[in-house]
Amino acid sequence: MDRLLVDTNIVLDLLSERKEFIVEAQELFTLSDKKEIKLYISSLTFANTYYILSQTLKLSNARKILRKFKVLVEVLPMDDKIIDLSLESDFKDFEEAIQYHTAIENDIPILISRNLKDFKTAKIPVLTAKDYIELRK
């Protein structure tokens, strides 16, 4: 079973129903729901997603959405080592550095993101949701 760390943008594609990207996000999370893959997110993604959803929704609705969503993923901790590795990394985007090092420190072999350009130095495959789904076919 593939284990994947999902970046914040993919989570928001699903939960905010972003027209351009929702189909691929839905397919990815459906695979998780069917127990065909195991999806992980960083605790930073969970917090950021709540914050972004709460800007356009009632707080109670944002929490309700995240409670339902949480059954599809496992939330990984962000610890001192991940922060240190991210601070020392050559990633220009600090949030992406945290995502990457969360995957590395938890032995997650694939990262799913739409921001491929931010992961140029990654030592693990970084794919879009669409590319990952196409590889499975």
N, C-alpha and C. Protein backbone atom coordinates (compact mmCIF):
# COMPACT_ATOMS: atom_id res chain seq x y z
N MET A 1 0.85 -1.18 0.00
CA MET A 1 0.00 0.00 0.00
C MET A 1 0.90 1.25 0.00
N ASP A 2 0.63 2.15 -0.95
CA ASP A 2 1.41 3.39 -1.01
C ASP A 2 1.08 4.27 0.18
N ARG A 3 2.13 4.93 0.68
CA ARG A 3 2.01 5.90 1.77
C ARG A 3 2.43 7.25 1.21
N LEU A 4 1.56 8.26 1.34
CA LEU A 4 1.82 9.56 0.75
C LEU A 4 1.58 10.68 1.75
N LEU A 5 2.44 11.67 1.72
CA LEU A 5 2.19 12.89 2.48
C LEU A 5 1.55 13.89 1.52
N VAL A 6 0.44 14.45 1.93
CA VAL A 6 -0.33 15.37 1.09
C VAL A 6 -0.10 16.80 1.57
N ASP A 7 0.30 17.65 0.64
CA ASP A 7 0.56 19.06 0.93
C ASP A 7 -0.76 19.81 1.14
N THR A 8 -0.66 20.94 1.79
CA THR A 8 -1.83 21.76 2.12
C THR A 8 -2.67 22.11 0.89
N ASN A 9 -2.02 22.42 -0.22
CA ASN A 9 -2.78 22.86 -1.39
C ASN A 9 -3.73 21.77 -1.89
N ILE A 10 -3.34 20.52 -1.76
CA ILE A 10 -4.21 19.42 -2.21
C ILE A 10 -5.41 19.27 -1.27
N VAL A 11 -5.16 19.41 0.02
CA VAL A 11 -6.25 19.35 1.00
C VAL A 11 -7.25 20.47 0.73
N LEU A 12 -6.74 21.66 0.46
CA LEU A 12 -7.63 22.79 0.18
C LEU A 12 -8.36 22.63 -1.15
N ASP A 13 -7.72 21.98 -2.11
CA ASP A 13 -8.41 21.69 -3.37
C ASP A 13 -9.68 20.90 -3.10
N LEU A 14 -9.57 19.92 -2.21
CA LEU A 14 -10.71 19.07 -1.87
C LEU A 14 -11.74 19.83 -1.03
N LEU A 15 -11.29 20.38 0.08
CA LEU A 15 -12.22 20.95 1.06
C LEU A 15 -12.82 22.29 0.62
N SER A 16 -12.09 23.03 -0.20
CA SER A 16 -12.62 24.29 -0.72
C SER A 16 -13.27 24.12 -2.08
N GLU A 17 -13.24 22.88 -2.56
CA GLU A 17 -13.85 22.53 -3.85
C GLU A 17 -13.35 23.43 -4.98
N ARG A 18 -12.03 23.53 -5.10
CA ARG A 18 -11.42 24.34 -6.15
C ARG A 18 -11.67 23.68 -7.50
N LYS A 19 -12.38 24.39 -8.34
CA LYS A 19 -12.87 23.82 -9.61
C LYS A 19 -11.78 23.17 -10.46
N GLU A 20 -10.64 23.82 -10.58
CA GLU A 20 -9.59 23.31 -11.47
C GLU A 20 -8.98 22.01 -10.98
N PHE A 21 -9.03 21.78 -9.68
CA PHE A 21 -8.25 20.69 -9.10
C PHE A 21 -9.05 19.68 -8.28
N ILE A 22 -10.33 19.90 -8.12
CA ILE A 22 -11.11 19.06 -7.21
C ILE A 22 -11.21 17.61 -7.67
N VAL A 23 -11.31 17.37 -8.97
CA VAL A 23 -11.48 15.99 -9.46
C VAL A 23 -10.31 15.12 -9.02
N GLU A 24 -9.09 15.60 -9.24
CA GLU A 24 -7.91 14.83 -8.86
C GLU A 24 -7.83 14.66 -7.34
N ALA A 25 -8.16 15.71 -6.61
CA ALA A 25 -8.13 15.62 -5.15
C ALA A 25 -9.16 14.60 -4.66
N GLN A 26 -10.35 14.63 -5.23
CA GLN A 26 -11.38 13.67 -4.85
C GLN A 26 -10.94 12.24 -5.14
N GLU A 27 -10.33 12.02 -6.29
CA GLU A 27 -9.85 10.68 -6.64
C GLU A 27 -8.81 10.20 -5.63
N LEU A 28 -7.90 11.08 -5.26
CA LEU A 28 -6.85 10.73 -4.31
C LEU A 28 -7.45 10.35 -2.96
N PHE A 29 -8.34 11.19 -2.44
CA PHE A 29 -8.91 10.92 -1.13
C PHE A 29 -9.90 9.75 -1.16
N THR A 30 -10.50 9.48 -2.30
CA THR A 30 -11.35 8.29 -2.44
C THR A 30 -10.51 7.03 -2.32
N LEU A 31 -9.30 7.05 -2.89
CA LEU A 31 -8.40 5.90 -2.74
C LEU A 31 -8.09 5.65 -1.27
N SER A 32 -7.94 6.70 -0.51
CA SER A 32 -7.70 6.57 0.93
C SER A 32 -8.93 6.01 1.63
N ASP A 33 -10.08 6.53 1.26
CA ASP A 33 -11.33 6.07 1.86
C ASP A 33 -11.55 4.58 1.60
N LYS A 34 -11.13 4.12 0.43
CA LYS A 34 -11.25 2.70 0.07
C LYS A 34 -10.10 1.86 0.64
N LYS A 35 -9.21 2.49 1.39
CA LYS A 35 -8.06 1.82 2.01
C LYS A 35 -7.08 1.25 0.98
N GLU A 36 -7.02 1.89 -0.19
CA GLU A 36 -6.08 1.46 -1.23
C GLU A 36 -4.73 2.15 -1.07
N ILE A 37 -4.74 3.31 -0.42
CA ILE A 37 -3.52 4.04 -0.11
C ILE A 37 -3.67 4.60 1.30
N LYS A 38 -2.55 5.01 1.88
CA LYS A 38 -2.56 5.63 3.21
C LYS A 38 -2.07 7.06 3.05
N LEU A 39 -2.90 8.02 3.45
CA LEU A 39 -2.55 9.43 3.33
C LEU A 39 -2.21 10.03 4.68
N TYR A 40 -1.19 10.85 4.66
CA TYR A 40 -0.73 11.56 5.85
C TYR A 40 -0.71 13.05 5.55
N ILE A 41 -0.91 13.84 6.58
CA ILE A 41 -0.71 15.28 6.48
C ILE A 41 0.07 15.73 7.71
N SER A 42 0.75 16.84 7.58
CA SER A 42 1.45 17.40 8.73
C SER A 42 0.46 18.14 9.61
N SER A 43 0.79 18.27 10.88
CA SER A 43 -0.08 19.05 11.77
C SER A 43 -0.17 20.49 11.30
N LEU A 44 0.88 20.98 10.64
CA LEU A 44 0.85 22.33 10.07
C LEU A 44 -0.26 22.44 9.02
N THR A 45 -0.40 21.44 8.18
CA THR A 45 -1.46 21.44 7.17
C THR A 45 -2.83 21.49 7.83
N PHE A 46 -3.01 20.73 8.89
CA PHE A 46 -4.31 20.71 9.57
C PHE A 46 -4.62 22.10 10.12
N ALA A 47 -3.65 22.72 10.77
CA ALA A 47 -3.86 24.06 11.35
C ALA A 47 -4.09 25.10 10.25
N ASN A 48 -3.29 25.07 9.20
CA ASN A 48 -3.44 26.04 8.11
C ASN A 48 -4.78 25.88 7.41
N THR A 49 -5.21 24.64 7.22
CA THR A 49 -6.49 24.38 6.56
C THR A 49 -7.64 24.92 7.40
N TYR A 50 -7.58 24.69 8.69
CA TYR A 50 -8.62 25.24 9.57
C TYR A 50 -8.66 26.76 9.46
N TYR A 51 -7.51 27.38 9.51
CA TYR A 51 -7.44 28.84 9.44
C TYR A 51 -8.05 29.34 8.12
N ILE A 52 -7.68 28.74 7.02
CA ILE A 52 -8.17 29.19 5.71
C ILE A 52 -9.67 28.95 5.58
N LEU A 53 -10.14 27.78 5.99
CA LEU A 53 -11.58 27.51 5.92
C LEU A 53 -12.37 28.46 6.81
N SER A 54 -11.81 28.81 7.97
CA SER A 54 -12.53 29.68 8.91
C SER A 54 -12.66 31.12 8.40
N GLN A 55 -11.92 31.46 7.36
CA GLN A 55 -12.02 32.79 6.78
C GLN A 55 -13.30 32.95 5.96
N THR A 56 -13.84 31.84 5.46
CA THR A 56 -15.02 31.91 4.60
C THR A 56 -16.22 31.16 5.17
N LEU A 57 -16.01 30.39 6.22
CA LEU A 57 -17.08 29.59 6.82
C LEU A 57 -17.25 29.94 8.29
N LYS A 58 -18.39 29.59 8.85
CA LYS A 58 -18.55 29.68 10.29
C LYS A 58 -17.54 28.74 10.93
N LEU A 59 -17.04 29.10 12.10
CA LEU A 59 -16.05 28.26 12.77
C LEU A 59 -16.58 26.85 13.00
N SER A 60 -17.85 26.75 13.38
CA SER A 60 -18.42 25.42 13.63
C SER A 60 -18.45 24.59 12.34
N ASN A 61 -18.70 25.23 11.20
CA ASN A 61 -18.70 24.50 9.93
C ASN A 61 -17.30 24.07 9.54
N ALA A 62 -16.31 24.92 9.77
CA ALA A 62 -14.92 24.57 9.48
C ALA A 62 -14.51 23.35 10.31
N ARG A 63 -14.87 23.34 11.58
CA ARG A 63 -14.54 22.19 12.43
C ARG A 63 -15.27 20.93 12.00
N LYS A 64 -16.51 21.08 11.61
CA LYS A 64 -17.31 19.93 11.15
C LYS A 64 -16.67 19.30 9.92
N ILE A 65 -16.26 20.13 8.97
CA ILE A 65 -15.60 19.66 7.75
C ILE A 65 -14.31 18.93 8.10
N LEU A 66 -13.53 19.49 9.01
CA LEU A 66 -12.25 18.87 9.37
C LEU A 66 -12.43 17.58 10.15
N ARG A 67 -13.48 17.49 10.96
CA ARG A 67 -13.75 16.22 11.66
C ARG A 67 -14.02 15.10 10.66
N LYS A 68 -14.82 15.40 9.64
CA LYS A 68 -15.11 14.40 8.60
C LYS A 68 -13.86 14.08 7.79
N PHE A 69 -13.10 15.09 7.46
CA PHE A 69 -11.89 14.91 6.66
C PHE A 69 -10.85 14.06 7.40
N LYS A 70 -10.74 14.24 8.70
CA LYS A 70 -9.69 13.59 9.48
C LYS A 70 -9.72 12.06 9.39
N VAL A 71 -10.86 11.47 9.09
CA VAL A 71 -10.93 10.01 8.97
C VAL A 71 -10.18 9.50 7.74
N LEU A 72 -9.86 10.40 6.80
CA LEU A 72 -9.17 10.01 5.57
C LEU A 72 -7.65 10.07 5.68
N VAL A 73 -7.15 10.70 6.73
CA VAL A 73 -5.71 10.93 6.85
C VAL A 73 -5.22 10.65 8.26
N GLU A 74 -3.92 10.50 8.35
CA GLU A 74 -3.27 10.48 9.66
C GLU A 74 -2.47 11.76 9.78
N VAL A 75 -2.65 12.47 10.89
CA VAL A 75 -1.96 13.73 11.12
C VAL A 75 -0.63 13.45 11.82
N LEU A 76 0.45 13.91 11.21
CA LEU A 76 1.79 13.69 11.75
C LEU A 76 2.25 14.91 12.53
N PRO A 77 2.99 14.68 13.61
CA PRO A 77 3.44 15.81 14.43
C PRO A 77 4.56 16.61 13.77
N MET A 78 4.63 17.86 14.16
CA MET A 78 5.72 18.73 13.76
C MET A 78 6.55 18.93 15.03
N ASP A 79 7.78 18.46 15.00
CA ASP A 79 8.58 18.53 16.21
C ASP A 79 9.82 19.39 16.01
N ASP A 80 10.62 19.45 17.04
CA ASP A 80 11.83 20.27 17.06
C ASP A 80 12.78 19.89 15.92
N LYS A 81 12.94 18.61 15.68
CA LYS A 81 13.86 18.16 14.63
C LYS A 81 13.39 18.61 13.25
N ILE A 82 12.09 18.50 12.99
CA ILE A 82 11.55 18.91 11.70
C ILE A 82 11.74 20.41 11.50
N ILE A 83 11.51 21.18 12.55
CA ILE A 83 11.73 22.64 12.45
C ILE A 83 13.19 22.94 12.18
N ASP A 84 14.11 22.28 12.92
CA ASP A 84 15.54 22.52 12.71
C ASP A 84 15.96 22.14 11.29
N LEU A 85 15.53 20.99 10.82
CA LEU A 85 15.87 20.57 9.46
C LEU A 85 15.31 21.55 8.43
N SER A 86 14.12 22.03 8.66
CA SER A 86 13.50 22.98 7.74
C SER A 86 14.23 24.32 7.73
N LEU A 87 14.64 24.77 8.91
CA LEU A 87 15.39 26.03 9.00
C LEU A 87 16.74 25.94 8.30
N GLU A 88 17.35 24.78 8.35
CA GLU A 88 18.68 24.59 7.75
C GLU A 88 18.62 24.17 6.29
N SER A 89 17.44 23.90 5.78
CA SER A 89 17.31 23.39 4.41
C SER A 89 17.51 24.51 3.39
N ASP A 90 17.65 24.08 2.13
CA ASP A 90 17.79 25.05 1.05
C ASP A 90 16.45 25.37 0.39
N PHE A 91 15.34 24.96 1.02
CA PHE A 91 14.02 25.29 0.50
C PHE A 91 13.78 26.79 0.67
N LYS A 92 13.28 27.42 -0.38
CA LYS A 92 12.95 28.84 -0.29
C LYS A 92 11.66 29.04 0.48
N ASP A 93 10.72 28.11 0.34
CA ASP A 93 9.42 28.19 1.01
C ASP A 93 9.49 27.36 2.30
N PHE A 94 9.44 28.04 3.44
CA PHE A 94 9.59 27.37 4.73
C PHE A 94 8.48 26.35 4.98
N GLU A 95 7.26 26.68 4.60
CA GLU A 95 6.15 25.75 4.79
C GLU A 95 6.39 24.47 4.00
N GLU A 96 6.90 24.59 2.79
CA GLU A 96 7.20 23.40 1.98
C GLU A 96 8.35 22.60 2.60
N ALA A 97 9.30 23.28 3.19
CA ALA A 97 10.39 22.59 3.89
C ALA A 97 9.83 21.74 5.03
N ILE A 98 8.88 22.28 5.75
CA ILE A 98 8.25 21.52 6.84
C ILE A 98 7.52 20.30 6.28
N GLN A 99 6.79 20.47 5.18
CA GLN A 99 6.10 19.34 4.56
C GLN A 99 7.11 18.25 4.18
N TYR A 100 8.15 18.66 3.50
CA TYR A 100 9.17 17.72 3.03
C TYR A 100 9.82 16.97 4.19
N HIS A 101 10.25 17.70 5.20
CA HIS A 101 10.94 17.05 6.31
C HIS A 101 9.99 16.23 7.18
N THR A 102 8.72 16.58 7.19
CA THR A 102 7.74 15.72 7.86
C THR A 102 7.67 14.37 7.15
N ALA A 103 7.65 14.41 5.83
CA ALA A 103 7.64 13.16 5.05
C ALA A 103 8.91 12.36 5.31
N ILE A 104 10.05 12.99 5.21
CA ILE A 104 11.34 12.31 5.39
C ILE A 104 11.45 11.68 6.78
N GLU A 105 11.13 12.46 7.80
CA GLU A 105 11.28 11.98 9.18
C GLU A 105 10.29 10.87 9.54
N ASN A 106 9.23 10.75 8.77
CA ASN A 106 8.23 9.71 9.03
C ASN A 106 8.27 8.60 7.98
N ASP A 107 9.35 8.56 7.21
CA ASP A 107 9.56 7.53 6.18
C ASP A 107 8.39 7.42 5.20
N ILE A 108 7.86 8.56 4.82
CA ILE A 108 6.80 8.61 3.81
C ILE A 108 7.51 8.79 2.46
N PRO A 109 7.39 7.83 1.55
CA PRO A 109 8.22 7.84 0.34
C PRO A 109 7.76 8.74 -0.81
N ILE A 110 6.53 9.29 -0.73
CA ILE A 110 6.01 10.12 -1.83
C ILE A 110 5.30 11.33 -1.23
N LEU A 111 5.52 12.48 -1.84
CA LEU A 111 4.86 13.70 -1.42
C LEU A 111 3.96 14.16 -2.57
N ILE A 112 2.73 14.55 -2.25
CA ILE A 112 1.77 15.01 -3.25
C ILE A 112 1.56 16.52 -3.06
N SER A 113 1.80 17.27 -4.13
CA SER A 113 1.68 18.73 -4.08
C SER A 113 1.41 19.26 -5.48
N ARG A 114 0.90 20.48 -5.55
CA ARG A 114 0.82 21.15 -6.84
C ARG A 114 2.01 22.09 -7.03
N ASN A 115 2.77 22.32 -5.99
CA ASN A 115 3.90 23.26 -6.05
C ASN A 115 5.21 22.51 -6.32
N LEU A 116 5.28 21.82 -7.43
CA LEU A 116 6.45 21.00 -7.73
C LEU A 116 7.73 21.82 -7.77
N LYS A 117 7.64 23.06 -8.22
CA LYS A 117 8.83 23.92 -8.34
C LYS A 117 9.48 24.17 -6.97
N ASP A 118 8.71 24.09 -5.90
CA ASP A 118 9.25 24.32 -4.56
C ASP A 118 10.01 23.11 -4.00
N PHE A 119 9.97 22.00 -4.71
CA PHE A 119 10.59 20.76 -4.23
C PHE A 119 11.71 20.29 -5.15
N LYS A 120 12.38 21.21 -5.82
CA LYS A 120 13.42 20.85 -6.79
C LYS A 120 14.54 20.02 -6.20
N THR A 121 14.85 20.22 -4.93
CA THR A 121 15.96 19.50 -4.29
C THR A 121 15.51 18.25 -3.53
N ALA A 122 14.25 17.89 -3.66
CA ALA A 122 13.70 16.75 -2.92
C ALA A 122 14.39 15.45 -3.30
N LYS A 123 14.58 14.61 -2.32
CA LYS A 123 15.21 13.31 -2.53
C LYS A 123 14.18 12.18 -2.60
N ILE A 124 12.91 12.54 -2.53
CA ILE A 124 11.81 11.59 -2.72
C ILE A 124 10.94 12.12 -3.86
N PRO A 125 10.16 11.26 -4.50
CA PRO A 125 9.28 11.75 -5.57
C PRO A 125 8.24 12.74 -5.04
N VAL A 126 8.07 13.82 -5.76
CA VAL A 126 7.02 14.80 -5.47
C VAL A 126 6.16 14.87 -6.73
N LEU A 127 4.90 14.50 -6.58
CA LEU A 127 3.99 14.40 -7.71
C LEU A 127 2.73 15.22 -7.47
N THR A 128 2.09 15.63 -8.55
CA THR A 128 0.76 16.19 -8.41
C THR A 128 -0.21 15.04 -8.16
N ALA A 129 -1.40 15.37 -7.65
CA ALA A 129 -2.42 14.33 -7.46
C ALA A 129 -2.75 13.68 -8.79
N LYS A 130 -2.86 14.50 -9.84
CA LYS A 130 -3.17 13.99 -11.16
C LYS A 130 -2.10 13.02 -11.65
N ASP A 131 -0.83 13.38 -11.49
CA ASP A 131 0.28 12.51 -11.93
C ASP A 131 0.28 11.20 -11.14
N TYR A 132 0.03 11.27 -9.84
CA TYR A 132 0.02 10.05 -9.04
C TYR A 132 -1.10 9.12 -9.49
N ILE A 133 -2.27 9.66 -9.72
CA ILE A 133 -3.42 8.85 -10.14
C ILE A 133 -3.15 8.22 -11.50
N GLU A 134 -2.55 8.96 -12.40
CA GLU A 134 -2.23 8.41 -13.72
C GLU A 134 -1.19 7.29 -13.61
N LEU A 135 -0.25 7.40 -12.69
CA LEU A 135 0.75 6.34 -12.50
C LEU A 135 0.11 5.04 -12.00
N ARG A 136 -0.97 5.15 -11.27
CA ARG A 136 -1.65 3.97 -10.72
C ARG A 136 -2.43 3.20 -11.78
N LYS A 137 -2.73 3.84 -12.88
CA LYS A 137 -3.55 3.19 -13.93
C LYS A 137 -2.76 2.20 -14.74
